[in-house]
Amino acid sequence: MPSLKTIRKRIGSVKSTQKITRAMKMVAGARLNRAQQRITALRPYAQKTQEILEGVTAALAAGTEDASGADAGSGAIEKPIHKLLARRPVKKALFIVLSSDRGLCGGYNANLVKLTSREWEARKGEGVAVSFATVGKKAREAIVRKGGTIAKDFAKVYDGLDLAKARTVAEFATEQFLKADVDAVYVLYTEFKSAMTQKPSVLQLLPLAKPAAKADEKDGASMTQYDYEPSEKTLLSRLVPMYVEISIFRALLDSQASELGARMTAMDAATRNAKDMIGRLTLVYNRARQAAITKELMEIIGGAEALK
């Protein structure tokens, strides 16, 4: 059995750790409240931006199909309605992986790395070469260990996270796509559900994924028609870059809130585990102390008996 001094030192060490984990939990909880408000406020805006973009894209695509149908005999080559919406055979893909810069947040980073590995292996099986742009030190370290190619690393993005930092990531992604260095861009991030639940997710950023057919469209009913001012093309030229920026900003806010939620949950569990450990160590200490007292008493009694 360990000595009383060793057990006392162990109890003191666990109590110090408990104070740290409790403080980290409180800090993460305070920061989570603000992060949750930001992502909750942005989601309706991001969803509406995507809706409008899909509507404009569908309207322009329908017009293009009508024109190409009329000129089918001329052998005209169909062109994309926007450069960032161009679809070509995917031979090279860019994965933008959003992780955290620090650990101590449970399985947050591990789950994201697992998702990245699965998607990477799936693309390899299709003969697609994958390069990576990383946000967060943990993603970069994991990808380097696995032998991945880091095309760009964005440092300290979460410090004072705003739209300008998201725009920096978006500009790199669009530049890679426009130069045909990559044929598709995906964002791998953790979607924030609640402080207890976070879901690793994949978003196809470029080219824009085709919208799923709605029920009224399947039944043959036409979508609501809008009059655009200025023209659809002018609006599309602004909407597509804005959609890329907003999508990345939303993913960054989701990742930040998910990290804080995971850290708060992990530190809460660590604090409770420390409390349980202190209870067990205290019990061991009391037993060892009682055994030492009993041993001393037996030695005194034995000595007294020997003197008679």
Protein backbone atom coordinates (compact mmCIF):
# COMPACT_ATOMS: atom_id res chain seq x y z
CA MET A 1 0.00 0.00 0.00
CA PRO A 2 1.34 3.52 -0.81
CA SER A 3 2.55 5.67 2.03
CA LEU A 4 0.32 8.34 3.60
CA LYS A 5 2.55 11.08 2.15
CA THR A 6 2.22 9.65 -1.38
CA ILE A 7 -1.57 9.47 -1.11
CA ARG A 8 -1.77 13.04 0.26
CA LYS A 9 0.31 14.31 -2.67
CA ARG A 10 -1.90 12.40 -5.09
CA ILE A 11 -5.07 13.93 -3.59
CA GLY A 12 -3.55 17.41 -3.79
CA SER A 13 -2.60 16.86 -7.43
CA VAL A 14 -6.10 15.71 -8.38
CA LYS A 15 -7.64 18.69 -6.56
CA SER A 16 -5.41 21.07 -8.53
CA THR A 17 -6.43 19.38 -11.79
CA GLN A 18 -10.09 19.63 -10.76
CA LYS A 19 -9.76 23.40 -10.28
CA ILE A 20 -8.28 23.73 -13.78
CA THR A 21 -10.96 21.61 -15.47
CA ARG A 22 -13.73 23.48 -13.62
CA ALA A 23 -12.30 26.83 -14.75
CA MET A 24 -11.97 25.60 -18.36
CA LYS A 25 -15.56 24.41 -18.30
CA MET A 26 -16.77 27.82 -17.12
CA VAL A 27 -14.73 29.68 -19.75
CA ALA A 28 -15.94 27.37 -22.55
CA GLY A 29 -19.54 27.76 -21.37
CA ALA A 30 -19.30 31.56 -21.38
CA ARG A 31 -17.75 31.62 -24.87
CA LEU A 32 -20.22 29.01 -26.16
CA ASN A 33 -23.17 31.25 -25.38
CA ARG A 34 -21.89 33.97 -27.72
CA ALA A 35 -20.79 31.50 -30.41
CA GLN A 36 -24.22 29.84 -30.34
CA GLN A 37 -25.93 33.21 -30.78
CA ARG A 38 -23.73 34.01 -33.79
CA ILE A 39 -24.37 30.73 -35.62
CA THR A 40 -28.11 30.87 -34.83
CA ALA A 41 -28.32 34.39 -36.26
CA LEU A 42 -26.34 33.51 -39.43
CA ARG A 43 -28.12 30.28 -40.42
CA PRO A 44 -31.36 31.86 -41.77
CA TYR A 45 -29.31 34.34 -43.83
CA ALA A 46 -27.09 31.57 -45.24
CA GLN A 47 -30.10 29.38 -46.06
CA LYS A 48 -31.91 32.24 -47.81
CA THR A 49 -28.79 33.11 -49.81
CA GLN A 50 -28.60 29.50 -51.00
CA GLU A 51 -32.32 29.49 -51.86
CA ILE A 52 -32.03 32.64 -53.97
CA LEU A 53 -28.88 31.37 -55.67
CA GLU A 54 -30.57 28.09 -56.55
CA GLY A 55 -33.58 29.99 -57.90
CA VAL A 56 -31.47 32.28 -60.08
CA THR A 57 -29.35 29.34 -61.26
CA ALA A 58 -32.46 27.33 -62.16
CA ALA A 59 -33.97 30.28 -64.06
CA LEU A 60 -30.80 30.88 -66.04
CA ALA A 61 -30.32 27.16 -66.71
CA ALA A 62 -33.85 26.91 -68.05
CA GLY A 63 -33.21 29.85 -70.36
CA THR A 64 -29.94 28.32 -71.53
CA GLU A 65 -31.62 24.99 -72.26
CA ASP A 66 -34.29 26.74 -74.33
CA ALA A 67 -31.66 28.60 -76.31
CA SER A 68 -29.51 25.53 -76.87
CA GLY A 69 -32.58 23.59 -77.93
CA ALA A 70 -33.41 26.23 -80.51
CA ASP A 71 -29.83 26.24 -81.82
CA ALA A 72 -29.28 22.49 -81.58
CA GLY A 73 -28.59 22.25 -85.29
CA SER A 74 -25.82 24.84 -85.14
CA GLY A 75 -23.56 22.63 -83.03
CA ALA A 76 -23.15 25.28 -80.30
CA ILE A 77 -21.15 24.25 -77.24
CA GLU A 78 -22.95 24.68 -73.93
CA LYS A 79 -21.13 27.02 -71.55
CA PRO A 80 -21.58 27.26 -67.77
CA ILE A 81 -23.72 30.17 -66.61
CA HIS A 82 -20.94 31.13 -64.17
CA LYS A 83 -17.29 30.15 -63.96
CA LEU A 84 -17.65 28.93 -60.37
CA LEU A 85 -20.55 26.68 -61.38
CA ALA A 86 -18.63 24.92 -64.14
CA ARG A 87 -18.85 21.15 -63.94
CA ARG A 88 -15.96 19.07 -65.23
CA PRO A 89 -14.69 15.55 -64.60
CA VAL A 90 -13.31 15.47 -61.06
CA LYS A 91 -9.65 14.44 -61.18
CA LYS A 92 -8.39 16.75 -58.42
CA ALA A 93 -10.27 17.83 -55.30
CA LEU A 94 -9.56 20.29 -52.50
CA PHE A 95 -10.62 19.45 -48.94
CA ILE A 96 -10.92 22.44 -46.61
CA VAL A 97 -10.71 20.85 -43.14
CA LEU A 98 -11.84 22.93 -40.15
CA SER A 99 -10.50 21.67 -36.82
CA SER A 100 -9.38 23.34 -33.57
CA ASP A 101 -6.00 24.72 -32.59
CA ARG A 102 -6.08 23.09 -29.15
CA GLY A 103 -7.04 19.78 -27.64
CA LEU A 104 -8.94 18.96 -24.44
CA CYS A 105 -12.26 18.93 -26.29
CA GLY A 106 -13.23 15.27 -26.17
CA GLY A 107 -13.65 13.49 -29.49
CA TYR A 108 -14.18 16.70 -31.49
CA ASN A 109 -10.93 16.55 -33.49
CA ALA A 110 -10.74 12.73 -33.58
CA ASN A 111 -14.22 12.45 -35.16
CA LEU A 112 -13.38 15.08 -37.78
CA VAL A 113 -10.11 13.33 -38.65
CA LYS A 114 -11.97 10.01 -39.04
CA LEU A 115 -14.46 11.65 -41.43
CA THR A 116 -11.59 13.22 -43.39
CA SER A 117 -9.84 9.85 -43.68
CA ARG A 118 -13.02 8.14 -44.93
CA GLU A 119 -13.69 10.81 -47.55
CA TRP A 120 -10.03 10.80 -48.59
CA GLU A 121 -10.01 7.02 -49.06
CA ALA A 122 -13.27 7.20 -51.00
CA ARG A 123 -11.80 9.77 -53.41
CA LYS A 124 -8.62 7.72 -53.79
CA GLY A 125 -10.77 4.76 -54.79
CA GLU A 126 -12.31 6.92 -57.54
CA GLY A 127 -8.86 7.95 -58.80
CA VAL A 128 -9.15 11.52 -57.50
CA ALA A 129 -6.03 13.33 -56.22
CA VAL A 130 -6.84 15.18 -52.98
CA SER A 131 -5.04 18.23 -51.60
CA PHE A 132 -5.87 19.94 -48.31
CA ALA A 133 -6.37 23.43 -46.95
CA THR A 134 -6.41 23.35 -43.16
CA VAL A 135 -7.87 25.66 -40.55
CA GLY A 136 -6.65 24.60 -37.12
CA LYS A 137 -3.43 23.00 -35.95
CA LYS A 138 -4.98 19.62 -35.13
CA ALA A 139 -6.14 19.00 -38.72
CA ARG A 140 -2.78 20.00 -40.14
CA GLU A 141 -0.88 17.68 -37.80
CA ALA A 142 -3.20 14.73 -38.52
CA ILE A 143 -3.01 15.17 -42.32
CA VAL A 144 0.79 15.53 -42.27
CA ARG A 145 1.05 12.31 -40.23
CA LYS A 146 -1.05 10.52 -42.85
CA GLY A 147 1.10 11.83 -45.72
CA GLY A 148 -1.41 14.30 -47.17
CA THR A 149 -0.51 17.33 -49.29
CA ILE A 150 -1.15 20.64 -47.52
CA ALA A 151 -1.83 23.25 -50.21
CA LYS A 152 -2.53 26.02 -47.67
CA ASP A 153 -2.67 26.38 -43.91
CA PHE A 154 -4.70 29.21 -42.38
CA ALA A 155 -3.35 30.09 -38.93
CA LYS A 156 -5.22 31.76 -36.05
CA VAL A 157 -8.50 32.06 -37.97
CA TYR A 158 -10.60 31.56 -34.84
CA ASP A 159 -8.95 34.52 -33.06
CA GLY A 160 -11.44 37.30 -33.70
CA LEU A 161 -13.36 35.26 -36.27
CA ASP A 162 -15.23 37.47 -38.74
CA LEU A 163 -16.36 37.54 -42.37
CA ALA A 164 -13.02 38.98 -43.51
CA LYS A 165 -11.17 35.86 -42.35
CA ALA A 166 -13.77 33.63 -44.01
CA ARG A 167 -13.28 35.67 -47.21
CA THR A 168 -9.55 34.86 -47.14
CA VAL A 169 -10.33 31.14 -47.16
CA ALA A 170 -13.02 31.62 -49.82
CA GLU A 171 -10.65 33.54 -52.11
CA PHE A 172 -8.10 30.74 -51.97
CA ALA A 173 -10.76 28.11 -52.78
CA THR A 174 -12.21 30.07 -55.70
CA GLU A 175 -8.74 30.83 -57.07
CA GLN A 176 -7.84 27.13 -57.05
CA PHE A 177 -11.12 26.26 -58.80
CA LEU A 178 -10.90 29.02 -61.43
CA LYS A 179 -7.29 28.12 -62.30
CA ALA A 180 -8.46 24.48 -62.73
CA ASP A 181 -5.93 23.38 -60.11
CA VAL A 182 -8.87 21.50 -58.59
CA ASP A 183 -12.17 20.35 -60.09
CA ALA A 184 -14.18 20.30 -56.85
CA VAL A 185 -13.97 21.89 -53.40
CA TYR A 186 -15.37 20.32 -50.23
CA VAL A 187 -15.56 21.72 -46.71
CA LEU A 188 -15.18 19.20 -43.87
CA TYR A 189 -16.37 20.66 -40.59
CA THR A 190 -18.37 19.88 -37.47
CA GLU A 191 -22.00 21.02 -37.50
CA PHE A 192 -23.22 22.39 -34.19
CA LYS A 193 -26.43 20.78 -32.97
CA SER A 194 -26.23 21.48 -29.23
CA ALA A 195 -23.65 21.67 -26.45
CA MET A 196 -23.92 17.89 -26.16
CA THR A 197 -24.22 17.00 -29.85
CA GLN A 198 -21.91 17.87 -32.75
CA LYS A 199 -21.96 16.18 -36.14
CA PRO A 200 -18.94 15.93 -38.51
CA SER A 201 -20.23 16.93 -41.96
CA VAL A 202 -19.13 17.40 -45.58
CA LEU A 203 -20.29 20.34 -47.71
CA GLN A 204 -19.74 20.44 -51.46
CA LEU A 205 -18.73 24.06 -51.95
CA LEU A 206 -17.74 24.16 -55.62
CA PRO A 207 -19.27 23.59 -58.02
CA LEU A 208 -22.64 24.35 -56.48
CA ALA A 209 -24.51 21.12 -55.79
CA LYS A 210 -27.68 20.67 -57.82
CA PRO A 211 -30.76 21.42 -55.67
CA ALA A 212 -32.97 18.46 -54.87
CA ALA A 213 -36.29 18.41 -56.69
CA LYS A 214 -39.16 19.58 -54.51
CA ALA A 215 -42.53 17.90 -54.21
CA ASP A 216 -44.40 20.49 -56.26
CA GLU A 217 -41.78 20.25 -59.03
CA LYS A 218 -42.15 16.46 -59.13
CA ASP A 219 -45.88 16.86 -59.57
CA GLY A 220 -45.31 19.11 -62.55
CA ALA A 221 -46.17 22.38 -60.82
CA SER A 222 -43.84 25.25 -61.65
CA MET A 223 -41.82 27.09 -59.03
CA THR A 224 -42.71 30.62 -57.97
CA GLN A 225 -41.45 33.02 -60.61
CA TYR A 226 -39.61 36.22 -59.66
CA ASP A 227 -38.67 39.32 -61.59
CA TYR A 228 -35.03 40.18 -60.97
CA GLU A 229 -33.57 43.66 -60.96
CA PRO A 230 -30.86 43.87 -62.18
CA SER A 231 -30.72 40.89 -64.54
CA GLU A 232 -30.20 37.31 -63.40
CA LYS A 233 -26.65 37.25 -64.77
CA THR A 234 -25.66 40.41 -62.93
CA LEU A 235 -27.20 39.10 -59.74
CA LEU A 236 -25.54 35.71 -60.18
CA SER A 237 -22.08 37.27 -60.56
CA ARG A 238 -22.47 38.70 -57.04
CA LEU A 239 -24.42 35.85 -55.47
CA VAL A 240 -21.97 33.03 -56.21
CA PRO A 241 -18.91 34.60 -54.51
CA MET A 242 -21.13 35.74 -51.65
CA TYR A 243 -22.51 32.22 -51.26
CA VAL A 244 -18.97 30.79 -51.06
CA GLU A 245 -17.98 33.34 -48.40
CA ILE A 246 -21.15 32.85 -46.34
CA SER A 247 -20.91 29.05 -46.55
CA ILE A 248 -17.33 29.06 -45.26
CA PHE A 249 -18.19 31.62 -42.57
CA ARG A 250 -21.11 29.47 -41.45
CA ALA A 251 -18.90 26.36 -41.33
CA LEU A 252 -16.30 28.25 -39.30
CA LEU A 253 -18.92 29.45 -36.81
CA ASP A 254 -20.34 25.92 -36.60
CA SER A 255 -16.86 24.54 -35.94
CA GLN A 256 -16.09 27.15 -33.29
CA ALA A 257 -19.37 26.52 -31.45
CA SER A 258 -18.88 22.75 -31.73
CA GLU A 259 -15.36 22.98 -30.30
CA LEU A 260 -16.56 25.03 -27.32
CA GLY A 261 -19.51 22.70 -26.73
CA ALA A 262 -17.26 19.64 -26.88
CA ARG A 263 -14.71 21.27 -24.55
CA MET A 264 -17.38 22.25 -22.03
CA THR A 265 -18.77 18.71 -22.03
CA ALA A 266 -15.30 17.14 -21.75
CA MET A 267 -14.23 19.43 -18.91
CA ASP A 268 -17.50 18.79 -17.06
CA ALA A 269 -16.86 15.04 -17.30
CA ALA A 270 -13.24 15.54 -16.20
CA THR A 271 -14.35 17.60 -13.18
CA ARG A 272 -16.82 14.91 -12.11
CA ASN A 273 -14.20 12.18 -12.61
CA ALA A 274 -11.75 14.17 -10.47
CA LYS A 275 -14.36 14.40 -7.73
CA ASP A 276 -14.88 10.63 -7.82
CA MET A 277 -11.14 10.02 -7.75
CA ILE A 278 -10.68 12.32 -4.77
CA GLY A 279 -13.39 10.35 -2.93
CA ARG A 280 -11.67 7.04 -3.69
CA LEU A 281 -8.23 8.34 -2.71
CA THR A 282 -9.59 9.81 0.51
CA LEU A 283 -11.05 6.42 1.40
CA VAL A 284 -7.69 4.74 0.71
CA TYR A 285 -5.93 7.41 2.79
CA ASN A 286 -8.28 6.92 5.73
CA ARG A 287 -7.81 3.15 5.62
CA ALA A 288 -4.03 3.50 5.44
CA ARG A 289 -4.07 5.99 8.32
CA GLN A 290 -6.27 3.69 10.41
CA ALA A 291 -3.94 0.78 9.66
CA ALA A 292 -0.93 2.86 10.73
CA ILE A 293 -2.63 3.88 13.99
CA THR A 294 -3.62 0.29 14.71
CA LYS A 295 -0.05 -0.86 14.06
CA GLU A 296 1.34 1.78 16.45
CA LEU A 297 -1.13 0.78 19.15
CA MET A 298 -0.20 -2.87 18.75
CA GLU A 299 3.50 -2.00 19.09
CA ILE A 300 2.82 0.03 22.29
CA ILE A 301 0.74 -2.73 23.80
CA GLY A 302 3.35 -5.33 22.82
CA GLY A 303 6.11 -3.26 24.42
CA ALA A 304 4.11 -2.79 27.61
CA GLU A 305 3.47 -6.53 27.85
CA ALA A 306 7.17 -7.23 27.38
CA LEU A 307 8.08 -5.01 30.37
CA LYS A 308 5.84 -6.91 32.79
